[in-house]
Amino acid sequence: MTQYIYMASPMKLPEGSFGLKPVSPEQPNVFKDELDFTHLHFEDNYDRASKTRFSYSSHFSFKHQVAINHNLLPLKYLSKSNAIQEKCLDILYSYIEEELR
């Protein structure tokens, strides 16, 4: 099941893919295994075509927002998780911790 996570901040939030570990900078699309390819993509709330910002939720009052959707984030109260799910959680928590500083 895909989970959607939205975050908002008064300051700009980084966007892009986090967690990718390619075999080398010369081969950015080659990975040793599935775990090295596992990543989360954070998408901002700016529509480049219309050059406007939109809100992911009517509950957000902050200008800067990001969205993450992934089917490998473990569901709440899931008792067992695998290495890929753990990596996804680590990436998410690291992102949040870094932005809180």
PDB file of N, CA and C in Angstrom:
ATOM      1  N   MET A   1       0.844  -1.172   0.000  1.00  0.00           N
ATOM      2  CA  MET A   1       0.000   0.000   0.000  1.00  0.00           C
ATOM      3  C   MET A   1       0.896   1.244   0.000  1.00  0.00           C
ATOM      4  N   THR A   2       0.584   2.178  -0.857  1.00  0.00           N
ATOM      5  CA  THR A   2       1.362   3.410  -0.950  1.00  0.00           C
ATOM      6  C   THR A   2       0.941   4.372   0.144  1.00  0.00           C
ATOM      7  N   GLN A   3       1.937   4.941   0.805  1.00  0.00           N
ATOM      8  CA  GLN A   3       1.680   5.969   1.799  1.00  0.00           C
ATOM      9  C   GLN A   3       2.092   7.311   1.223  1.00  0.00           C
ATOM     10  N   TYR A   4       1.351   8.339   1.590  1.00  0.00           N
ATOM     11  CA  TYR A   4       1.657   9.694   1.175  1.00  0.00           C
ATOM     12  C   TYR A   4       2.008  10.498   2.416  1.00  0.00           C
ATOM     13  N   ILE A   5       3.109  11.199   2.354  1.00  0.00           N
ATOM     14  CA  ILE A   5       3.551  12.018   3.474  1.00  0.00           C
ATOM     15  C   ILE A   5       3.768  13.424   2.939  1.00  0.00           C
ATOM     16  N   TYR A   6       3.224  14.397   3.638  1.00  0.00           N
ATOM     17  CA  TYR A   6       3.366  15.794   3.245  1.00  0.00           C
ATOM     18  C   TYR A   6       3.980  16.561   4.401  1.00  0.00           C
ATOM     19  N   MET A   7       4.896  17.457   4.077  1.00  0.00           N
ATOM     20  CA  MET A   7       5.525  18.300   5.090  1.00  0.00           C
ATOM     21  C   MET A   7       5.499  19.746   4.619  1.00  0.00           C
ATOM     22  N   ALA A   8       5.381  20.674   5.572  1.00  0.00           N
ATOM     23  CA  ALA A   8       5.372  22.093   5.251  1.00  0.00           C
ATOM     24  C   ALA A   8       6.326  22.826   6.184  1.00  0.00           C
ATOM     25  N   SER A   9       6.864  23.944   5.693  1.00  0.00           N
ATOM     26  CA  SER A   9       7.842  24.695   6.464  1.00  0.00           C
ATOM     27  C   SER A   9       7.829  26.155   6.030  1.00  0.00           C
ATOM     28  N   PRO A  10       8.185  27.056   6.941  1.00  0.00           N
ATOM     29  CA  PRO A  10       8.315  28.459   6.524  1.00  0.00           C
ATOM     30  C   PRO A  10       9.594  28.676   5.694  1.00  0.00           C
ATOM     31  N   MET A  11      10.515  27.722   5.751  1.00  0.00           N
ATOM     32  CA  MET A  11      11.766  27.815   4.991  1.00  0.00           C
ATOM     33  C   MET A  11      11.757  26.788   3.864  1.00  0.00           C
ATOM     34  N   LYS A  12      12.521  27.064   2.819  1.00  0.00           N
ATOM     35  CA  LYS A  12      12.600  26.171   1.662  1.00  0.00           C
ATOM     36  C   LYS A  12      13.067  24.788   2.100  1.00  0.00           C
ATOM     37  N   LEU A  13      12.414  23.778   1.594  1.00  0.00           N
ATOM     38  CA  LEU A  13      12.755  22.386   1.887  1.00  0.00           C
ATOM     39  C   LEU A  13      13.472  21.774   0.678  1.00  0.00           C
ATOM     40  N   PRO A  14      14.500  20.960   0.917  1.00  0.00           N
ATOM     41  CA  PRO A  14      15.182  20.315  -0.205  1.00  0.00           C
ATOM     42  C   PRO A  14      14.259  19.366  -0.948  1.00  0.00           C
ATOM     43  N   GLU A  15      14.448  19.302  -2.249  1.00  0.00           N
ATOM     44  CA  GLU A  15      13.684  18.376  -3.076  1.00  0.00           C
ATOM     45  C   GLU A  15      14.659  17.448  -3.785  1.00  0.00           C
ATOM     46  N   GLY A  16      14.132  16.391  -4.348  1.00  0.00           N
ATOM     47  CA  GLY A  16      14.957  15.453  -5.094  1.00  0.00           C
ATOM     48  C   GLY A  16      14.968  14.081  -4.458  1.00  0.00           C
ATOM     49  N   SER A  17      15.861  13.226  -4.963  1.00  0.00           N
ATOM     50  CA  SER A  17      15.970  11.850  -4.478  1.00  0.00           C
ATOM     51  C   SER A  17      17.049  11.741  -3.412  1.00  0.00           C
ATOM     52  N   PHE A  18      16.727  11.014  -2.360  1.00  0.00           N
ATOM     53  CA  PHE A  18      17.659  10.803  -1.258  1.00  0.00           C
ATOM     54  C   PHE A  18      17.784   9.301  -1.004  1.00  0.00           C
ATOM     55  N   GLY A  19      19.010   8.842  -0.799  1.00  0.00           N
ATOM     56  CA  GLY A  19      19.243   7.447  -0.456  1.00  0.00           C
ATOM     57  C   GLY A  19      19.844   6.598  -1.556  1.00  0.00           C
ATOM     58  N   LEU A  20      19.939   7.117  -2.774  1.00  0.00           N
ATOM     59  CA  LEU A  20      20.534   6.338  -3.869  1.00  0.00           C
ATOM     60  C   LEU A  20      22.020   6.125  -3.633  1.00  0.00           C
ATOM     61  N   LYS A  21      22.509   4.924  -3.891  1.00  0.00           N
ATOM     62  CA  LYS A  21      23.937   4.611  -3.753  1.00  0.00           C
ATOM     63  C   LYS A  21      24.420   3.896  -5.016  1.00  0.00           C
ATOM     64  N   PRO A  22      24.698   4.670  -6.086  1.00  0.00           N
ATOM     65  CA  PRO A  22      25.176   4.026  -7.322  1.00  0.00           C
ATOM     66  C   PRO A  22      26.573   3.449  -7.117  1.00  0.00           C
ATOM     67  N   VAL A  23      26.974   2.533  -8.000  1.00  0.00           N
ATOM     68  CA  VAL A  23      28.282   1.889  -7.858  1.00  0.00           C
ATOM     69  C   VAL A  23      29.419   2.890  -8.012  1.00  0.00           C
ATOM     70  N   SER A  24      29.209   3.953  -8.810  1.00  0.00           N
ATOM     71  CA  SER A  24      30.235   4.986  -8.966  1.00  0.00           C
ATOM     72  C   SER A  24      29.603   6.241  -9.562  1.00  0.00           C
ATOM     73  N   PRO A  25      30.266   7.395  -9.418  1.00  0.00           N
ATOM     74  CA  PRO A  25      29.742   8.618 -10.032  1.00  0.00           C
ATOM     75  C   PRO A  25      29.689   8.527 -11.562  1.00  0.00           C
ATOM     76  N   GLU A  26      30.569   7.728 -12.132  1.00  0.00           N
ATOM     77  CA  GLU A  26      30.582   7.564 -13.585  1.00  0.00           C
ATOM     78  C   GLU A  26      29.402   6.717 -14.077  1.00  0.00           C
ATOM     79  N   GLN A  27      28.825   5.912 -13.176  1.00  0.00           N
ATOM     80  CA  GLN A  27      27.676   5.065 -13.508  1.00  0.00           C
ATOM     81  C   GLN A  27      26.529   5.358 -12.533  1.00  0.00           C
ATOM     82  N   PRO A  28      25.911   6.541 -12.656  1.00  0.00           N
ATOM     83  CA  PRO A  28      24.893   6.928 -11.674  1.00  0.00           C
ATOM     84  C   PRO A  28      23.605   6.124 -11.751  1.00  0.00           C
ATOM     85  N   ASN A  29      23.419   5.333 -12.798  1.00  0.00           N
ATOM     86  CA  ASN A  29      22.201   4.534 -12.942  1.00  0.00           C
ATOM     87  C   ASN A  29      22.435   3.047 -12.725  1.00  0.00           C
ATOM     88  N   VAL A  30      23.606   2.688 -12.185  1.00  0.00           N
ATOM     89  CA  VAL A  30      23.933   1.285 -11.935  1.00  0.00           C
ATOM     90  C   VAL A  30      24.075   1.095 -10.424  1.00  0.00           C
ATOM     91  N   PHE A  31      23.399   0.069  -9.909  1.00  0.00           N
ATOM     92  CA  PHE A  31      23.394  -0.181  -8.473  1.00  0.00           C
ATOM     93  C   PHE A  31      23.777  -1.624  -8.200  1.00  0.00           C
ATOM     94  N   LYS A  32      24.434  -1.830  -7.064  1.00  0.00           N
ATOM     95  CA  LYS A  32      24.877  -3.172  -6.691  1.00  0.00           C
ATOM     96  C   LYS A  32      23.692  -4.098  -6.435  1.00  0.00           C
ATOM     97  N   ASP A  33      22.684  -3.585  -5.760  1.00  0.00           N
ATOM     98  CA  ASP A  33      21.509  -4.403  -5.442  1.00  0.00           C
ATOM     99  C   ASP A  33      20.295  -3.497  -5.217  1.00  0.00           C
ATOM    100  N   GLU A  34      19.185  -4.114  -4.893  1.00  0.00           N
ATOM    101  CA  GLU A  34      17.941  -3.370  -4.708  1.00  0.00           C
ATOM    102  C   GLU A  34      18.020  -2.401  -3.531  1.00  0.00           C
ATOM    103  N   LEU A  35      18.732  -2.773  -2.503  1.00  0.00           N
ATOM    104  CA  LEU A  35      18.866  -1.904  -1.336  1.00  0.00           C
ATOM    105  C   LEU A  35      19.604  -0.615  -1.695  1.00  0.00           C
ATOM    106  N   ASP A  36      20.628  -0.711  -2.527  1.00  0.00           N
ATOM    107  CA  ASP A  36      21.352   0.493  -2.944  1.00  0.00           C
ATOM    108  C   ASP A  36      20.495   1.387  -3.842  1.00  0.00           C
ATOM    109  N   PHE A  37      19.527   0.804  -4.553  1.00  0.00           N
ATOM    110  CA  PHE A  37      18.628   1.581  -5.395  1.00  0.00           C
ATOM    111  C   PHE A  37      17.472   2.194  -4.603  1.00  0.00           C
ATOM    112  N   THR A  38      17.146   1.649  -3.454  1.00  0.00           N
ATOM    113  CA  THR A  38      16.030   2.136  -2.642  1.00  0.00           C
ATOM    114  C   THR A  38      16.267   3.592  -2.258  1.00  0.00           C
ATOM    115  N   HIS A  39      15.272   4.431  -2.501  1.00  0.00           N
ATOM    116  CA  HIS A  39      15.390   5.853  -2.213  1.00  0.00           C
ATOM    117  C   HIS A  39      13.994   6.460  -2.033  1.00  0.00           C
ATOM    118  N   LEU A  40      13.965   7.674  -1.543  1.00  0.00           N
ATOM    119  CA  LEU A  40      12.732   8.441  -1.453  1.00  0.00           C
ATOM    120  C   LEU A  40      12.900   9.698  -2.288  1.00  0.00           C
ATOM    121  N   HIS A  41      11.845  10.055  -2.995  1.00  0.00           N
ATOM    122  CA  HIS A  41      11.876  11.280  -3.798  1.00  0.00           C
ATOM    123  C   HIS A  41      10.961  12.313  -3.156  1.00  0.00           C
ATOM    124  N   PHE A  42      11.519  13.467  -2.844  1.00  0.00           N
ATOM    125  CA  PHE A  42      10.785  14.562  -2.227  1.00  0.00           C
ATOM    126  C   PHE A  42      10.457  15.578  -3.325  1.00  0.00           C
ATOM    127  N   GLU A  43       9.168  15.814  -3.548  1.00  0.00           N
ATOM    128  CA  GLU A  43       8.720  16.708  -4.609  1.00  0.00           C
ATOM    129  C   GLU A  43       8.136  17.977  -3.996  1.00  0.00           C
ATOM    130  N   ASP A  44       8.608  19.134  -4.460  1.00  0.00           N
ATOM    131  CA  ASP A  44       8.107  20.387  -3.887  1.00  0.00           C
ATOM    132  C   ASP A  44       6.747  20.770  -4.470  1.00  0.00           C
ATOM    133  N   ASN A  45       6.190  21.847  -3.970  1.00  0.00           N
ATOM    134  CA  ASN A  45       4.835  22.276  -4.343  1.00  0.00           C
ATOM    135  C   ASN A  45       4.864  23.433  -5.340  1.00  0.00           C
ATOM    136  N   TYR A  46       5.814  23.388  -6.252  1.00  0.00           N
ATOM    137  CA  TYR A  46       5.929  24.438  -7.263  1.00  0.00           C
ATOM    138  C   TYR A  46       5.650  23.846  -8.639  1.00  0.00           C
ATOM    139  N   ASP A  47       4.685  24.409  -9.319  1.00  0.00           N
ATOM    140  CA  ASP A  47       4.343  23.967 -10.673  1.00  0.00           C
ATOM    141  C   ASP A  47       5.155  24.802 -11.659  1.00  0.00           C
ATOM    142  N   ARG A  48       6.142  24.178 -12.290  1.00  0.00           N
ATOM    143  CA  ARG A  48       7.028  24.898 -13.190  1.00  0.00           C
ATOM    144  C   ARG A  48       6.322  25.363 -14.474  1.00  0.00           C
ATOM    145  N   ALA A  49       5.304  24.663 -14.894  1.00  0.00           N
ATOM    146  CA  ALA A  49       4.576  25.048 -16.110  1.00  0.00           C
ATOM    147  C   ALA A  49       3.832  26.375 -15.913  1.00  0.00           C
ATOM    148  N   SER A  50       3.124  26.500 -14.792  1.00  0.00           N
ATOM    149  CA  SER A  50       2.369  27.730 -14.533  1.00  0.00           C
ATOM    150  C   SER A  50       3.141  28.724 -13.663  1.00  0.00           C
ATOM    151  N   LYS A  51       4.301  28.293 -13.174  1.00  0.00           N
ATOM    152  CA  LYS A  51       5.158  29.122 -12.313  1.00  0.00           C
ATOM    153  C   LYS A  51       4.415  29.626 -11.086  1.00  0.00           C
ATOM    154  N   THR A  52       3.673  28.700 -10.450  1.00  0.00           N
ATOM    155  CA  THR A  52       2.939  29.031  -9.231  1.00  0.00           C
ATOM    156  C   THR A  52       3.110  27.930  -8.192  1.00  0.00           C
ATOM    157  N   ARG A  53       2.899  28.306  -6.946  1.00  0.00           N
ATOM    158  CA  ARG A  53       2.899  27.334  -5.854  1.00  0.00           C
ATOM    159  C   ARG A  53       1.478  26.872  -5.590  1.00  0.00           C
ATOM    160  N   PHE A  54       1.351  25.630  -5.172  1.00  0.00           N
ATOM    161  CA  PHE A  54       0.056  25.096  -4.783  1.00  0.00           C
ATOM    162  C   PHE A  54       0.233  24.451  -3.413  1.00  0.00           C
ATOM    163  N   SER A  55      -0.848  24.146  -2.748  1.00  0.00           N
ATOM    164  CA  SER A  55      -0.778  23.532  -1.430  1.00  0.00           C
ATOM    165  C   SER A  55      -1.195  22.069  -1.520  1.00  0.00           C
ATOM    166  N   TYR A  56      -0.428  21.218  -0.864  1.00  0.00           N
ATOM    167  CA  TYR A  56      -0.788  19.801  -0.815  1.00  0.00           C
ATOM    168  C   TYR A  56      -1.968  19.557   0.115  1.00  0.00           C
ATOM    169  N   SER A  57      -2.195  20.487   1.038  1.00  0.00           N
ATOM    170  CA  SER A  57      -3.282  20.332   1.996  1.00  0.00           C
ATOM    171  C   SER A  57      -3.822  21.696   2.389  1.00  0.00           C
ATOM    172  N   SER A  58      -5.118  21.776   2.554  1.00  0.00           N
ATOM    173  CA  SER A  58      -5.728  23.039   3.006  1.00  0.00           C
ATOM    174  C   SER A  58      -5.364  23.346   4.458  1.00  0.00           C
ATOM    175  N   HIS A  59      -4.786  22.362   5.155  1.00  0.00           N
ATOM    176  CA  HIS A  59      -4.397  22.556   6.553  1.00  0.00           C
ATOM    177  C   HIS A  59      -3.028  23.213   6.685  1.00  0.00           C
ATOM    178  N   PHE A  60      -2.278  23.293   5.600  1.00  0.00           N
ATOM    179  CA  PHE A  60      -0.939  23.887   5.648  1.00  0.00           C
ATOM    180  C   PHE A  60      -1.023  25.400   5.475  1.00  0.00           C
ATOM    181  N   SER A  61      -0.309  26.112   6.346  1.00  0.00           N
ATOM    182  CA  SER A  61      -0.240  27.564   6.208  1.00  0.00           C
ATOM    183  C   SER A  61       1.141  28.012   5.720  1.00  0.00           C
ATOM    184  N   PHE A  62       2.121  27.101   5.716  1.00  0.00           N
ATOM    185  CA  PHE A  62       3.460  27.466   5.273  1.00  0.00           C
ATOM    186  C   PHE A  62       3.580  27.375   3.757  1.00  0.00           C
ATOM    187  N   LYS A  63       4.397  28.256   3.222  1.00  0.00           N
ATOM    188  CA  LYS A  63       4.579  28.361   1.774  1.00  0.00           C
ATOM    189  C   LYS A  63       5.296  27.147   1.172  1.00  0.00           C
ATOM    190  N   HIS A  64       6.346  26.688   1.828  1.00  0.00           N
ATOM    191  CA  HIS A  64       7.184  25.622   1.282  1.00  0.00           C
ATOM    192  C   HIS A  64       6.678  24.258   1.755  1.00  0.00           C
ATOM    193  N   GLN A  65       6.467  23.355   0.786  1.00  0.00           N
ATOM    194  CA  GLN A  65       5.941  22.030   1.093  1.00  0.00           C
ATOM    195  C   GLN A  65       6.628  20.985   0.228  1.00  0.00           C
ATOM    196  N   VAL A  66       6.700  19.773   0.747  1.00  0.00           N
ATOM    197  CA  VAL A  66       7.190  18.640  -0.036  1.00  0.00           C
ATOM    198  C   VAL A  66       6.245  17.460   0.157  1.00  0.00           C
ATOM    199  N   ALA A  67       6.217  16.594  -0.842  1.00  0.00           N
ATOM    200  CA  ALA A  67       5.405  15.381  -0.788  1.00  0.00           C
ATOM    201  C   ALA A  67       6.296  14.187  -1.067  1.00  0.00           C
ATOM    202  N   ILE A  68       6.036  13.113  -0.365  1.00  0.00           N
ATOM    203  CA  ILE A  68       6.736  11.851  -0.572  1.00  0.00           C
ATOM    204  C   ILE A  68       5.658  10.782  -0.693  1.00  0.00           C
ATOM    205  N   ASN A  69       5.756   9.932  -1.688  1.00  0.00           N
ATOM    206  CA  ASN A  69       4.873   8.776  -1.723  1.00  0.00           C
ATOM    207  C   ASN A  69       5.719   7.567  -2.072  1.00  0.00           C
ATOM    208  N   HIS A  70       5.475   6.513  -1.348  1.00  0.00           N
ATOM    209  CA  HIS A  70       6.293   5.315  -1.528  1.00  0.00           C
ATOM    210  C   HIS A  70       5.515   4.118  -1.019  1.00  0.00           C
ATOM    211  N   ASN A  71       5.650   3.009  -1.705  1.00  0.00           N
ATOM    212  CA  ASN A  71       4.938   1.815  -1.264  1.00  0.00           C
ATOM    213  C   ASN A  71       5.781   0.939  -0.343  1.00  0.00           C
ATOM    214  N   LEU A  72       6.991   1.368  -0.013  1.00  0.00           N
ATOM    215  CA  LEU A  72       7.834   0.561   0.870  1.00  0.00           C
ATOM    216  C   LEU A  72       8.016   1.163   2.258  1.00  0.00           C
ATOM    217  N   LEU A  73       7.337   2.253   2.543  1.00  0.00           N
ATOM    218  CA  LEU A  73       7.348   2.760   3.910  1.00  0.00           C
ATOM    219  C   LEU A  73       6.422   1.859   4.723  1.00  0.00           C
ATOM    220  N   PRO A  74       6.918   1.320   5.828  1.00  0.00           N
ATOM    221  CA  PRO A  74       6.065   0.396   6.597  1.00  0.00           C
ATOM    222  C   PRO A  74       4.851   1.108   7.183  1.00  0.00           C
ATOM    223  N   LEU A  75       3.754   0.405   7.229  1.00  0.00           N
ATOM    224  CA  LEU A  75       2.541   0.955   7.812  1.00  0.00           C
ATOM    225  C   LEU A  75       2.665   1.008   9.323  1.00  0.00           C
ATOM    226  N   LYS A  76       1.921   1.916   9.912  1.00  0.00           N
ATOM    227  CA  LYS A  76       1.924   2.070  11.367  1.00  0.00           C
ATOM    228  C   LYS A  76       1.554   0.744  12.023  1.00  0.00           C
ATOM    229  N   TYR A  77       2.234   0.414  13.073  1.00  0.00           N
ATOM    230  CA  TYR A  77       2.026  -0.805  13.862  1.00  0.00           C
ATOM    231  C   TYR A  77       2.440  -2.083  13.140  1.00  0.00           C
ATOM    232  N   LEU A  78       3.170  -1.968  12.046  1.00  0.00           N
ATOM    233  CA  LEU A  78       3.672  -3.153  11.364  1.00  0.00           C
ATOM    234  C   LEU A  78       4.783  -3.741  12.231  1.00  0.00           C
ATOM    235  N   SER A  79       4.608  -4.960  12.650  1.00  0.00           N
ATOM    236  CA  SER A  79       5.558  -5.539  13.597  1.00  0.00           C
ATOM    237  C   SER A  79       6.852  -5.995  12.937  1.00  0.00           C
ATOM    238  N   LYS A  80       6.784  -6.415  11.700  1.00  0.00           N
ATOM    239  CA  LYS A  80       7.979  -6.883  11.017  1.00  0.00           C
ATOM    240  C   LYS A  80       8.266  -5.979   9.830  1.00  0.00           C
ATOM    241  N   SER A  81       9.531  -5.634   9.669  1.00  0.00           N
ATOM    242  CA  SER A  81       9.914  -4.852   8.500  1.00  0.00           C
ATOM    243  C   SER A  81      11.201  -5.436   7.940  1.00  0.00           C
ATOM    244  N   ASN A  82      11.448  -5.161   6.688  1.00  0.00           N
ATOM    245  CA  ASN A  82      12.656  -5.683   6.066  1.00  0.00           C
ATOM    246  C   ASN A  82      13.689  -4.563   5.894  1.00  0.00           C
ATOM    247  N   ALA A  83      14.833  -4.880   5.331  1.00  0.00           N
ATOM    248  CA  ALA A  83      15.932  -3.924   5.192  1.00  0.00           C
ATOM    249  C   ALA A  83      15.538  -2.728   4.327  1.00  0.00           C
ATOM    250  N   ILE A  84      14.749  -2.963   3.293  1.00  0.00           N
ATOM    251  CA  ILE A  84      14.333  -1.866   2.413  1.00  0.00           C
ATOM    252  C   ILE A  84      13.399  -0.909   3.148  1.00  0.00           C
ATOM    253  N   GLN A  85      12.457  -1.458   3.906  1.00  0.00           N
ATOM    254  CA  GLN A  85      11.554  -0.603   4.681  1.00  0.00           C
ATOM    255  C   GLN A  85      12.332   0.184   5.738  1.00  0.00           C
ATOM    256  N   GLU A  86      13.287  -0.469   6.374  1.00  0.00           N
ATOM    257  CA  GLU A  86      14.115   0.215   7.373  1.00  0.00           C
ATOM    258  C   GLU A  86      14.910   1.354   6.740  1.00  0.00           C
ATOM    259  N   LYS A  87      15.442   1.122   5.540  1.00  0.00           N
ATOM    260  CA  LYS A  87      16.197   2.174   4.857  1.00  0.00           C
ATOM    261  C   LYS A  87      15.285   3.350   4.530  1.00  0.00           C
ATOM    262  N   CYS A  88      14.069   3.085   4.058  1.00  0.00           N
ATOM    263  CA  CYS A  88      13.123   4.151   3.757  1.00  0.00           C
ATOM    264  C   CYS A  88      12.819   4.988   4.997  1.00  0.00           C
ATOM    265  N   LEU A  89      12.612   4.336   6.117  1.00  0.00           N
ATOM    266  CA  LEU A  89      12.371   5.065   7.364  1.00  0.00           C
ATOM    267  C   LEU A  89      13.590   5.873   7.780  1.00  0.00           C
ATOM    268  N   ASP A  90      14.778   5.297   7.641  1.00  0.00           N
ATOM    269  CA  ASP A  90      16.007   6.024   7.977  1.00  0.00           C
ATOM    270  C   ASP A  90      16.159   7.277   7.125  1.00  0.00           C
ATOM    271  N   ILE A  91      15.875   7.166   5.838  1.00  0.00           N
ATOM    272  CA  ILE A  91      15.963   8.324   4.939  1.00  0.00           C
ATOM    273  C   ILE A  91      14.972   9.396   5.372  1.00  0.00           C
ATOM    274  N   LEU A  92      13.737   8.995   5.646  1.00  0.00           N
ATOM    275  CA  LEU A  92      12.700   9.941   6.058  1.00  0.00           C
ATOM    276  C   LEU A  92      13.073  10.634   7.363  1.00  0.00           C
ATOM    277  N   TYR A  93      13.485   9.862   8.365  1.00  0.00           N
ATOM    278  CA  TYR A  93      13.837  10.449   9.655  1.00  0.00           C
ATOM    279  C   TYR A  93      15.067  11.341   9.545  1.00  0.00           C
ATOM    280  N   SER A  94      16.032  10.964   8.734  1.00  0.00           N
ATOM    281  CA  SER A  94      17.236  11.791   8.537  1.00  0.00           C
ATOM    282  C   SER A  94      16.861  13.117   7.884  1.00  0.00           C
ATOM    283  N   TYR A  95      15.990  13.062   6.892  1.00  0.00           N
ATOM    284  CA  TYR A  95      15.527  14.277   6.209  1.00  0.00           C
ATOM    285  C   TYR A  95      14.866  15.223   7.220  1.00  0.00           C
ATOM    286  N   ILE A  96      13.961  14.676   8.006  1.00  0.00           N
ATOM    287  CA  ILE A  96      13.247  15.504   8.994  1.00  0.00           C
ATOM    288  C   ILE A  96      14.221  16.076  10.015  1.00  0.00           C
ATOM    289  N   GLU A  97      15.107  15.233  10.529  1.00  0.00           N
ATOM    290  CA  GLU A  97      16.078  15.685  11.538  1.00  0.00           C
ATOM    291  C   GLU A  97      16.971  16.793  10.982  1.00  0.00           C
ATOM    292  N   GLU A  98      17.431  16.643   9.758  1.00  0.00           N
ATOM    293  CA  GLU A  98      18.298  17.651   9.148  1.00  0.00           C
ATOM    294  C   GLU A  98      17.577  18.974   8.971  1.00  0.00           C
ATOM    295  N   GLU A  99      16.314  18.917   8.573  1.00  0.00           N
ATOM    296  CA  GLU A  99      15.557  20.148   8.349  1.00  0.00           C
ATOM    297  C   GLU A  99      15.133  20.829   9.651  1.00  0.00           C
ATOM    298  N   LEU A 100      15.056  20.079  10.729  1.00  0.00           N
ATOM    299  CA  LEU A 100      14.721  20.674  12.020  1.00  0.00           C
ATOM    300  C   LEU A 100      15.885  21.454  12.624  1.00  0.00           C
ATOM    301  N   ARG A 101      17.080  21.173  12.164  1.00  0.00           N
ATOM    302  CA  ARG A 101      18.254  21.899  12.702  1.00  0.00           C
ATOM    303  C   ARG A 101      18.245  23.288  12.235  1.00  0.00           C
TER     304      ARG A 101
END
